[in-house]
Amino acid sequence: MSKENVIKLREITGAGVSDCQAALKESGDDIEKAIEVLRKKGALKAAKKLAERTAKEGLVGSYIHATGRAGCLIQVSCETDFVARTEEFKELVHDLAMHVTAFSPEYLRPEDIPAEVLDKEKEIYIEQLKKEGKPEQVIPKILEGKLEKFYGEVCLLNQPFIKDDKISVKEHIDQKIAKTGEKIEVVRFVRFNV
């Protein structure tokens, strides 16, 4: 692992030197693979932080589309006022508001979907699969995949992020958690449309 790659990886990700060295060692000094390793570890750190800390600071952000016919208000929380005032956090809130305006999520996360809505979706998918002649034993597996796709359409945290569709909104937030070292969460949002 080269010193130059450690520096480059650190600049790209904002991760600590020892984390960058470990990721490069694990990836065979490949920066792209090392970024993936750090993202996976960041997600683990983010999940741990979410469970342990409370986010009592934050911002309310807004975005109005250029046409003036759609917009969003969103509340994003973090742990300290210091992080809430950073340009990076303000940009995150703005990007999330823009995302909500563009993609119209109905729910924040899958757990927020009412049981009757979920049951109706399952019923429709099962009926479609039976009409397609799918064997009974494979229907549950296919149904699971269809529900994941449904979550990606209607749940903010599961949707592909507007500025990088290779990651979900949740993964983007997790990257910010790993970088700031603070819990960050979307509390609520509301979208307006004419």
Foldseek 3Di string as FASTA:
>chain_A
DDPVLLVVLCVVQVDDSVLSVVLCVVVVNDSVSSVVVVLVVLLVLQVVQVVPDDFDAADWDKDADPVNFKMKIWTKTKNDPVVRPDPVRVVLNHQLRVQCRVQVAQAAAPVPDDPVVVVVVLVVQLVVCVVVVHDPVCSVVVSVVVVLVVRCRHHQQSDQRPVGSVHGSVSVLSSVCSNVVIHMDTDDMDMGGD
